[in-house]
PDB file of all heavy atoms in Angstrom:
ATOM      1  N   ALA A   1       0.834  -1.207   0.000  1.00  0.00           N
ATOM      2  CA  ALA A   1       0.000   0.000   0.000  1.00  0.00           C
ATOM      3  C   ALA A   1       0.864   1.252   0.000  1.00  0.00           C
ATOM      4  O   ALA A   1       0.543   2.254  -0.648  1.00  0.00           O
ATOM      5  CB  ALA A   1      -0.921  -0.009   1.219  1.00  0.00           C
ATOM      6  N   ALA A   2       1.999   1.195   0.716  1.00  0.00           N
ATOM      7  CA  ALA A   2       2.906   2.345   0.741  1.00  0.00           C
ATOM      8  C   ALA A   2       3.534   2.572  -0.631  1.00  0.00           C
ATOM      9  O   ALA A   2       3.627   3.716  -1.119  1.00  0.00           O
ATOM     10  CB  ALA A   2       3.986   2.121   1.792  1.00  0.00           C
ATOM     11  N   VAL A   3       3.944   1.495  -1.277  1.00  0.00           N
ATOM     12  CA  VAL A   3       4.571   1.610  -2.594  1.00  0.00           C
ATOM     13  C   VAL A   3       3.573   2.122  -3.630  1.00  0.00           C
ATOM     14  O   VAL A   3       3.934   2.871  -4.552  1.00  0.00           O
ATOM     15  CB  VAL A   3       5.151   0.237  -3.013  1.00  0.00           C
ATOM     16  CG1 VAL A   3       5.528   0.233  -4.492  1.00  0.00           C
ATOM     17  CG2 VAL A   3       6.364  -0.107  -2.157  1.00  0.00           C
ATOM     18  N   SER A   4       2.295   1.751  -3.467  1.00  0.00           N
ATOM     19  CA  SER A   4       1.277   2.177  -4.436  1.00  0.00           C
ATOM     20  C   SER A   4       0.946   3.664  -4.337  1.00  0.00           C
ATOM     21  O   SER A   4       0.308   4.213  -5.235  1.00  0.00           O
ATOM     22  CB  SER A   4      -0.006   1.374  -4.214  1.00  0.00           C
ATOM     23  OG  SER A   4      -0.676   1.806  -3.024  1.00  0.00           O
ATOM     24  N   GLY A   5       1.368   4.303  -3.236  1.00  0.00           N
ATOM     25  CA  GLY A   5       1.061   5.712  -3.035  1.00  0.00           C
ATOM     26  C   GLY A   5      -0.193   5.959  -2.241  1.00  0.00           C
ATOM     27  O   GLY A   5      -0.512   7.118  -1.918  1.00  0.00           O
ATOM     28  N   LYS A   6      -0.924   4.884  -1.894  1.00  0.00           N
ATOM     29  CA  LYS A   6      -2.149   5.058  -1.110  1.00  0.00           C
ATOM     30  C   LYS A   6      -1.861   5.338   0.358  1.00  0.00           C
ATOM     31  O   LYS A   6      -2.712   5.829   1.090  1.00  0.00           O
ATOM     32  CB  LYS A   6      -3.015   3.794  -1.223  1.00  0.00           C
ATOM     33  CG  LYS A   6      -3.601   3.565  -2.601  1.00  0.00           C
ATOM     34  CD  LYS A   6      -4.785   4.479  -2.856  1.00  0.00           C
ATOM     35  CE  LYS A   6      -5.991   4.063  -2.039  1.00  0.00           C
ATOM     36  NZ  LYS A   6      -7.164   4.933  -2.298  1.00  0.00           N
ATOM     37  N   VAL A   7      -0.664   4.997   0.800  1.00  0.00           N
ATOM     38  CA  VAL A   7      -0.278   5.165   2.206  1.00  0.00           C
ATOM     39  C   VAL A   7       1.029   5.933   2.291  1.00  0.00           C
ATOM     40  O   VAL A   7       1.974   5.655   1.540  1.00  0.00           O
ATOM     41  CB  VAL A   7      -0.124   3.794   2.897  1.00  0.00           C
ATOM     42  CG1 VAL A   7       0.509   3.953   4.279  1.00  0.00           C
ATOM     43  CG2 VAL A   7      -1.475   3.104   3.005  1.00  0.00           C
ATOM     44  N   SER A   8       1.080   6.893   3.208  1.00  0.00           N
ATOM     45  CA  SER A   8       2.320   7.606   3.526  1.00  0.00           C
ATOM     46  C   SER A   8       2.692   7.308   4.972  1.00  0.00           C
ATOM     47  O   SER A   8       1.822   7.090   5.813  1.00  0.00           O
ATOM     48  CB  SER A   8       2.148   9.123   3.360  1.00  0.00           C
ATOM     49  OG  SER A   8       1.764   9.435   2.031  1.00  0.00           O
ATOM     50  N   VAL A   9       3.979   7.305   5.248  1.00  0.00           N
ATOM     51  CA  VAL A   9       4.458   7.068   6.607  1.00  0.00           C
ATOM     52  C   VAL A   9       5.266   8.278   7.049  1.00  0.00           C
ATOM     53  O   VAL A   9       6.136   8.763   6.320  1.00  0.00           O
ATOM     54  CB  VAL A   9       5.314   5.789   6.692  1.00  0.00           C
ATOM     55  CG1 VAL A   9       5.797   5.579   8.129  1.00  0.00           C
ATOM     56  CG2 VAL A   9       4.521   4.587   6.211  1.00  0.00           C
ATOM     57  N   VAL A  10       4.962   8.772   8.237  1.00  0.00           N
ATOM     58  CA  VAL A  10       5.686   9.897   8.830  1.00  0.00           C
ATOM     59  C   VAL A  10       6.196   9.446  10.192  1.00  0.00           C
ATOM     60  O   VAL A  10       5.423   8.924  10.999  1.00  0.00           O
ATOM     61  CB  VAL A  10       4.796  11.142   8.984  1.00  0.00           C
ATOM     62  CG1 VAL A  10       5.566  12.267   9.682  1.00  0.00           C
ATOM     63  CG2 VAL A  10       4.269  11.595   7.623  1.00  0.00           C
ATOM     64  N   THR A  11       7.485   9.633  10.439  1.00  0.00           N
ATOM     65  CA  THR A  11       8.071   9.291  11.735  1.00  0.00           C
ATOM     66  C   THR A  11       8.420  10.583  12.457  1.00  0.00           C
ATOM     67  O   THR A  11       9.377  11.279  12.091  1.00  0.00           O
ATOM     68  CB  THR A  11       9.323   8.410  11.560  1.00  0.00           C
ATOM     69  OG1 THR A  11       8.961   7.243  10.813  1.00  0.00           O
ATOM     70  CG2 THR A  11       9.880   7.988  12.911  1.00  0.00           C
ATOM     71  N   ASP A  12       7.636  10.905  13.469  1.00  0.00           N
ATOM     72  CA  ASP A  12       7.796  12.186  14.168  1.00  0.00           C
ATOM     73  C   ASP A  12       6.868  12.172  15.377  1.00  0.00           C
ATOM     74  O   ASP A  12       6.085  11.237  15.568  1.00  0.00           O
ATOM     75  CB  ASP A  12       7.428  13.341  13.230  1.00  0.00           C
ATOM     76  CG  ASP A  12       8.135  14.650  13.582  1.00  0.00           C
ATOM     77  OD1 ASP A  12       8.580  14.784  14.747  1.00  0.00           O
ATOM     78  OD2 ASP A  12       8.226  15.524  12.698  1.00  0.00           O
ATOM     79  N   THR A  13       6.953  13.212  16.183  1.00  0.00           N
ATOM     80  CA  THR A  13       6.001  13.412  17.274  1.00  0.00           C
ATOM     81  C   THR A  13       5.069  14.559  16.915  1.00  0.00           C
ATOM     82  O   THR A  13       5.319  15.304  15.957  1.00  0.00           O
ATOM     83  CB  THR A  13       6.724  13.718  18.595  1.00  0.00           C
ATOM     84  OG1 THR A  13       7.567  14.868  18.412  1.00  0.00           O
ATOM     85  CG2 THR A  13       7.576  12.530  19.029  1.00  0.00           C
ATOM     86  N   ILE A  14       3.986  14.683  17.667  1.00  0.00           N
ATOM     87  CA  ILE A  14       2.988  15.711  17.373  1.00  0.00           C
ATOM     88  C   ILE A  14       3.255  16.943  18.227  1.00  0.00           C
ATOM     89  O   ILE A  14       3.435  16.851  19.444  1.00  0.00           O
ATOM     90  CB  ILE A  14       1.570  15.177  17.641  1.00  0.00           C
ATOM     91  CG1 ILE A  14       1.283  13.975  16.733  1.00  0.00           C
ATOM     92  CG2 ILE A  14       0.531  16.272  17.413  1.00  0.00           C
ATOM     93  CD1 ILE A  14      -0.031  13.276  17.054  1.00  0.00           C
ATOM     94  N   ASP A  15       3.274  18.086  17.583  1.00  0.00           N
ATOM     95  CA  ASP A  15       3.427  19.341  18.313  1.00  0.00           C
ATOM     96  C   ASP A  15       2.073  19.874  18.762  1.00  0.00           C
ATOM     97  O   ASP A  15       1.888  20.238  19.915  1.00  0.00           O
ATOM     98  CB  ASP A  15       4.129  20.384  17.438  1.00  0.00           C
ATOM     99  CG  ASP A  15       4.276  21.719  18.144  1.00  0.00           C
ATOM    100  OD1 ASP A  15       5.052  21.781  19.122  1.00  0.00           O
ATOM    101  OD2 ASP A  15       3.599  22.686  17.734  1.00  0.00           O
ATOM    102  N   ARG A  16       1.108  19.896  17.851  1.00  0.00           N
ATOM    103  CA  ARG A  16      -0.211  20.430  18.205  1.00  0.00           C
ATOM    104  C   ARG A  16      -1.234  19.997  17.163  1.00  0.00           C
ATOM    105  O   ARG A  16      -0.901  19.588  16.047  1.00  0.00           O
ATOM    106  CB  ARG A  16      -0.181  21.961  18.280  1.00  0.00           C
ATOM    107  CG  ARG A  16       0.096  22.638  16.954  1.00  0.00           C
ATOM    108  CD  ARG A  16       0.300  24.143  17.106  1.00  0.00           C
ATOM    109  NE  ARG A  16       0.449  24.829  15.829  1.00  0.00           N
ATOM    110  CZ  ARG A  16       1.585  24.885  15.136  1.00  0.00           C
ATOM    111  NH1 ARG A  16       2.671  24.288  15.618  1.00  0.00           N
ATOM    112  NH2 ARG A  16       1.640  25.543  13.997  1.00  0.00           N
ATOM    113  N   ASP A  17      -2.501  20.059  17.577  1.00  0.00           N
ATOM    114  CA  ASP A  17      -3.609  19.820  16.659  1.00  0.00           C
ATOM    115  C   ASP A  17      -4.096  21.153  16.106  1.00  0.00           C
ATOM    116  O   ASP A  17      -4.024  22.191  16.772  1.00  0.00           O
ATOM    117  CB  ASP A  17      -4.755  19.129  17.388  1.00  0.00           C
ATOM    118  CG  ASP A  17      -4.412  17.706  17.768  1.00  0.00           C
ATOM    119  OD1 ASP A  17      -3.812  17.502  18.842  1.00  0.00           O
ATOM    120  OD2 ASP A  17      -4.739  16.793  16.992  1.00  0.00           O
ATOM    121  N   THR A  18      -4.623  21.086  14.901  1.00  0.00           N
ATOM    122  CA  THR A  18      -5.235  22.254  14.266  1.00  0.00           C
ATOM    123  C   THR A  18      -6.586  21.823  13.709  1.00  0.00           C
ATOM    124  O   THR A  18      -6.880  20.622  13.645  1.00  0.00           O
ATOM    125  CB  THR A  18      -4.358  22.788  13.121  1.00  0.00           C
ATOM    126  OG1 THR A  18      -4.409  21.852  12.023  1.00  0.00           O
ATOM    127  CG2 THR A  18      -2.904  22.973  13.568  1.00  0.00           C
ATOM    128  N   PRO A  19      -7.415  22.757  13.278  1.00  0.00           N
ATOM    129  CA  PRO A  19      -8.681  22.348  12.661  1.00  0.00           C
ATOM    130  C   PRO A  19      -8.474  21.436  11.451  1.00  0.00           C
ATOM    131  O   PRO A  19      -9.315  20.582  11.151  1.00  0.00           O
ATOM    132  CB  PRO A  19      -9.317  23.681  12.256  1.00  0.00           C
ATOM    133  CG  PRO A  19      -8.768  24.666  13.253  1.00  0.00           C
ATOM    134  CD  PRO A  19      -7.346  24.217  13.488  1.00  0.00           C
ATOM    135  N   GLU A  20      -7.327  21.597  10.758  1.00  0.00           N
ATOM    136  CA  GLU A  20      -7.084  20.830   9.536  1.00  0.00           C
ATOM    137  C   GLU A  20      -6.485  19.448   9.791  1.00  0.00           C
ATOM    138  O   GLU A  20      -6.568  18.551   8.954  1.00  0.00           O
ATOM    139  CB  GLU A  20      -6.139  21.599   8.605  1.00  0.00           C
ATOM    140  CG  GLU A  20      -6.680  22.919   8.101  1.00  0.00           C
ATOM    141  CD  GLU A  20      -6.575  24.029   9.157  1.00  0.00           C
ATOM    142  OE1 GLU A  20      -5.719  23.895  10.076  1.00  0.00           O
ATOM    143  OE2 GLU A  20      -7.328  25.005   9.067  1.00  0.00           O
ATOM    144  N   GLY A  21      -5.830  19.256  10.956  1.00  0.00           N
ATOM    145  CA  GLY A  21      -5.131  17.998  11.220  1.00  0.00           C
ATOM    146  C   GLY A  21      -4.159  18.150  12.369  1.00  0.00           C
ATOM    147  O   GLY A  21      -4.514  18.689  13.413  1.00  0.00           O
ATOM    148  N   VAL A  22      -2.915  17.713  12.169  1.00  0.00           N
ATOM    149  CA  VAL A  22      -1.906  17.849  13.207  1.00  0.00           C
ATOM    150  C   VAL A  22      -0.638  18.445  12.599  1.00  0.00           C
ATOM    151  O   VAL A  22      -0.344  18.266  11.415  1.00  0.00           O
ATOM    152  CB  VAL A  22      -1.557  16.504  13.882  1.00  0.00           C
ATOM    153  CG1 VAL A  22      -2.800  15.858  14.478  1.00  0.00           C
ATOM    154  CG2 VAL A  22      -0.872  15.552  12.912  1.00  0.00           C
ATOM    155  N   VAL A  23       0.101  19.131  13.451  1.00  0.00           N
ATOM    156  CA  VAL A  23       1.406  19.666  13.073  1.00  0.00           C
ATOM    157  C   VAL A  23       2.450  18.887  13.851  1.00  0.00           C
ATOM    158  O   VAL A  23       2.371  18.769  15.076  1.00  0.00           O
ATOM    159  CB  VAL A  23       1.515  21.174  13.381  1.00  0.00           C
ATOM    160  CG1 VAL A  23       2.922  21.686  13.058  1.00  0.00           C
ATOM    161  CG2 VAL A  23       0.476  21.961  12.588  1.00  0.00           C
ATOM    162  N   THR A  24       3.416  18.335  13.148  1.00  0.00           N
ATOM    163  CA  THR A  24       4.454  17.540  13.802  1.00  0.00           C
ATOM    164  C   THR A  24       5.512  18.434  14.423  1.00  0.00           C
ATOM    165  O   THR A  24       5.559  19.653  14.174  1.00  0.00           O
ATOM    166  CB  THR A  24       5.119  16.583  12.801  1.00  0.00           C
ATOM    167  OG1 THR A  24       5.860  17.351  11.849  1.00  0.00           O
ATOM    168  CG2 THR A  24       4.075  15.742  12.089  1.00  0.00           C
ATOM    169  N   ALA A  25       6.380  17.827  15.220  1.00  0.00           N
ATOM    170  CA  ALA A  25       7.445  18.585  15.884  1.00  0.00           C
ATOM    171  C   ALA A  25       8.372  19.235  14.869  1.00  0.00           C
ATOM    172  O   ALA A  25       8.969  20.282  15.143  1.00  0.00           O
ATOM    173  CB  ALA A  25       8.233  17.665  16.811  1.00  0.00           C
ATOM    174  N   SER A  26       8.499  18.642  13.687  1.00  0.00           N
ATOM    175  CA  SER A  26       9.367  19.217  12.650  1.00  0.00           C
ATOM    176  C   SER A  26       8.661  20.277  11.832  1.00  0.00           C
ATOM    177  O   SER A  26       9.255  20.861  10.921  1.00  0.00           O
ATOM    178  CB  SER A  26       9.878  18.108  11.730  1.00  0.00           C
ATOM    179  OG  SER A  26       8.792  17.460  11.079  1.00  0.00           O
ATOM    180  N   GLY A  27       7.368  20.540  12.128  1.00  0.00           N
ATOM    181  CA  GLY A  27       6.637  21.610  11.457  1.00  0.00           C
ATOM    182  C   GLY A  27       5.759  21.173  10.303  1.00  0.00           C
ATOM    183  O   GLY A  27       5.104  22.005   9.670  1.00  0.00           O
ATOM    184  N   GLU A  28       5.685  19.877  10.013  1.00  0.00           N
ATOM    185  CA  GLU A  28       4.862  19.401   8.897  1.00  0.00           C
ATOM    186  C   GLU A  28       3.394  19.356   9.302  1.00  0.00           C
ATOM    187  O   GLU A  28       3.044  18.834  10.359  1.00  0.00           O
ATOM    188  CB  GLU A  28       5.319  18.009   8.462  1.00  0.00           C
ATOM    189  CG  GLU A  28       4.488  17.431   7.322  1.00  0.00           C
ATOM    190  CD  GLU A  28       4.910  16.023   6.929  1.00  0.00           C
ATOM    191  OE1 GLU A  28       5.893  15.507   7.506  1.00  0.00           O
ATOM    192  OE2 GLU A  28       4.242  15.427   6.060  1.00  0.00           O
ATOM    193  N   LEU A  29       2.524  19.890   8.454  1.00  0.00           N
ATOM    194  CA  LEU A  29       1.084  19.796   8.659  1.00  0.00           C
ATOM    195  C   LEU A  29       0.558  18.556   7.943  1.00  0.00           C
ATOM    196  O   LEU A  29       0.748  18.408   6.730  1.00  0.00           O
ATOM    197  CB  LEU A  29       0.373  21.039   8.107  1.00  0.00           C
ATOM    198  CG  LEU A  29      -1.166  20.972   8.059  1.00  0.00           C
ATOM    199  CD1 LEU A  29      -1.753  20.845   9.461  1.00  0.00           C
ATOM    200  CD2 LEU A  29      -1.732  22.186   7.332  1.00  0.00           C
ATOM    201  N   ILE A  30      -0.082  17.676   8.691  1.00  0.00           N
ATOM    202  CA  ILE A  30      -0.716  16.499   8.098  1.00  0.00           C
ATOM    203  C   ILE A  30      -2.222  16.740   8.130  1.00  0.00           C
ATOM    204  O   ILE A  30      -2.845  16.738   9.197  1.00  0.00           O
ATOM    205  CB  ILE A  30      -0.372  15.218   8.868  1.00  0.00           C
ATOM    206  CG1 ILE A  30       1.142  15.019   8.929  1.00  0.00           C
ATOM    207  CG2 ILE A  30      -1.039  14.014   8.212  1.00  0.00           C
ATOM    208  CD1 ILE A  30       1.552  13.819   9.772  1.00  0.00           C
ATOM    209  N   GLU A  31      -2.804  16.969   6.977  1.00  0.00           N
ATOM    210  CA  GLU A  31      -4.233  17.250   6.901  1.00  0.00           C
ATOM    211  C   GLU A  31      -5.025  15.952   6.944  1.00  0.00           C
ATOM    212  O   GLU A  31      -4.612  14.935   6.376  1.00  0.00           O
ATOM    213  CB  GLU A  31      -4.554  18.032   5.626  1.00  0.00           C
ATOM    214  CG  GLU A  31      -3.924  19.415   5.590  1.00  0.00           C
ATOM    215  CD  GLU A  31      -4.327  20.206   4.373  1.00  0.00           C
ATOM    216  OE1 GLU A  31      -4.449  19.607   3.293  1.00  0.00           O
ATOM    217  OE2 GLU A  31      -4.538  21.427   4.515  1.00  0.00           O
ATOM    218  N   ALA A  32      -6.167  16.010   7.615  1.00  0.00           N
ATOM    219  CA  ALA A  32      -6.982  14.797   7.763  1.00  0.00           C
ATOM    220  C   ALA A  32      -8.439  15.158   7.962  1.00  0.00           C
ATOM    221  O   ALA A  32      -8.774  16.216   8.500  1.00  0.00           O
ATOM    222  CB  ALA A  32      -6.481  13.974   8.942  1.00  0.00           C
ATOM    223  N   ASP A  33      -9.307  14.262   7.512  1.00  0.00           N
ATOM    224  CA  ASP A  33     -10.735  14.336   7.819  1.00  0.00           C
ATOM    225  C   ASP A  33     -11.081  13.435   9.002  1.00  0.00           C
ATOM    226  O   ASP A  33     -12.080  13.647   9.685  1.00  0.00           O
ATOM    227  CB  ASP A  33     -11.554  13.883   6.606  1.00  0.00           C
ATOM    228  CG  ASP A  33     -11.206  14.664   5.350  1.00  0.00           C
ATOM    229  OD1 ASP A  33     -11.335  15.903   5.382  1.00  0.00           O
ATOM    230  OD2 ASP A  33     -10.796  14.027   4.358  1.00  0.00           O
ATOM    231  N   LEU A  34     -10.252  12.424   9.210  1.00  0.00           N
ATOM    232  CA  LEU A  34     -10.462  11.451  10.279  1.00  0.00           C
ATOM    233  C   LEU A  34      -9.121  11.108  10.907  1.00  0.00           C
ATOM    234  O   LEU A  34      -8.161  10.805  10.190  1.00  0.00           O
ATOM    235  CB  LEU A  34     -11.114  10.173   9.719  1.00  0.00           C
ATOM    236  CG  LEU A  34     -11.131   8.939  10.619  1.00  0.00           C
ATOM    237  CD1 LEU A  34     -12.020   9.169  11.830  1.00  0.00           C
ATOM    238  CD2 LEU A  34     -11.589   7.707   9.835  1.00  0.00           C
ATOM    239  N   ILE A  35      -9.053  11.152  12.239  1.00  0.00           N
ATOM    240  CA  ILE A  35      -7.858  10.711  12.969  1.00  0.00           C
ATOM    241  C   ILE A  35      -8.232   9.472  13.770  1.00  0.00           C
ATOM    242  O   ILE A  35      -9.215   9.473  14.526  1.00  0.00           O
ATOM    243  CB  ILE A  35      -7.322  11.811  13.910  1.00  0.00           C
ATOM    244  CG1 ILE A  35      -6.842  13.015  13.102  1.00  0.00           C
ATOM    245  CG2 ILE A  35      -6.185  11.263  14.776  1.00  0.00           C
ATOM    246  CD1 ILE A  35      -6.350  14.170  13.978  1.00  0.00           C
ATOM    247  N   ILE A  36      -7.450   8.422  13.595  1.00  0.00           N
ATOM    248  CA  ILE A  36      -7.640   7.180  14.345  1.00  0.00           C
ATOM    249  C   ILE A  36      -6.437   6.985  15.258  1.00  0.00           C
ATOM    250  O   ILE A  36      -5.298   6.933  14.784  1.00  0.00           O
ATOM    251  CB  ILE A  36      -7.781   5.958  13.412  1.00  0.00           C
ATOM    252  CG1 ILE A  36      -8.962   6.146  12.467  1.00  0.00           C
ATOM    253  CG2 ILE A  36      -7.931   4.681  14.227  1.00  0.00           C
ATOM    254  CD1 ILE A  36      -9.082   5.039  11.426  1.00  0.00           C
ATOM    255  N   ALA A  37      -6.698   6.897  16.548  1.00  0.00           N
ATOM    256  CA  ALA A  37      -5.625   6.606  17.504  1.00  0.00           C
ATOM    257  C   ALA A  37      -5.448   5.092  17.591  1.00  0.00           C
ATOM    258  O   ALA A  37      -6.364   4.384  17.995  1.00  0.00           O
ATOM    259  CB  ALA A  37      -5.953   7.189  18.877  1.00  0.00           C
ATOM    260  N   ALA A  38      -4.274   4.626  17.182  1.00  0.00           N
ATOM    261  CA  ALA A  38      -3.927   3.211  17.341  1.00  0.00           C
ATOM    262  C   ALA A  38      -2.811   3.146  18.375  1.00  0.00           C
ATOM    263  O   ALA A  38      -1.717   2.629  18.133  1.00  0.00           O
ATOM    264  CB  ALA A  38      -3.491   2.613  16.012  1.00  0.00           C
ATOM    265  N   THR A  39      -3.112   3.711  19.534  1.00  0.00           N
ATOM    266  CA  THR A  39      -2.091   3.958  20.556  1.00  0.00           C
ATOM    267  C   THR A  39      -2.043   2.897  21.641  1.00  0.00           C
ATOM    268  O   THR A  39      -1.358   3.054  22.645  1.00  0.00           O
ATOM    269  CB  THR A  39      -2.336   5.338  21.203  1.00  0.00           C
ATOM    270  OG1 THR A  39      -3.734   5.500  21.475  1.00  0.00           O
ATOM    271  CG2 THR A  39      -1.906   6.450  20.256  1.00  0.00           C
TER     272      THR A  39
END
């Protein structure tokens, strides 16, 4: 699924949530309509 482009993997921690998604500690915004915690 990752090779097909349907899945992306990000290795980082979360800095904060925004209305659009989450911002990682490195400053990347990951936009989402649904967040699933698999924690």
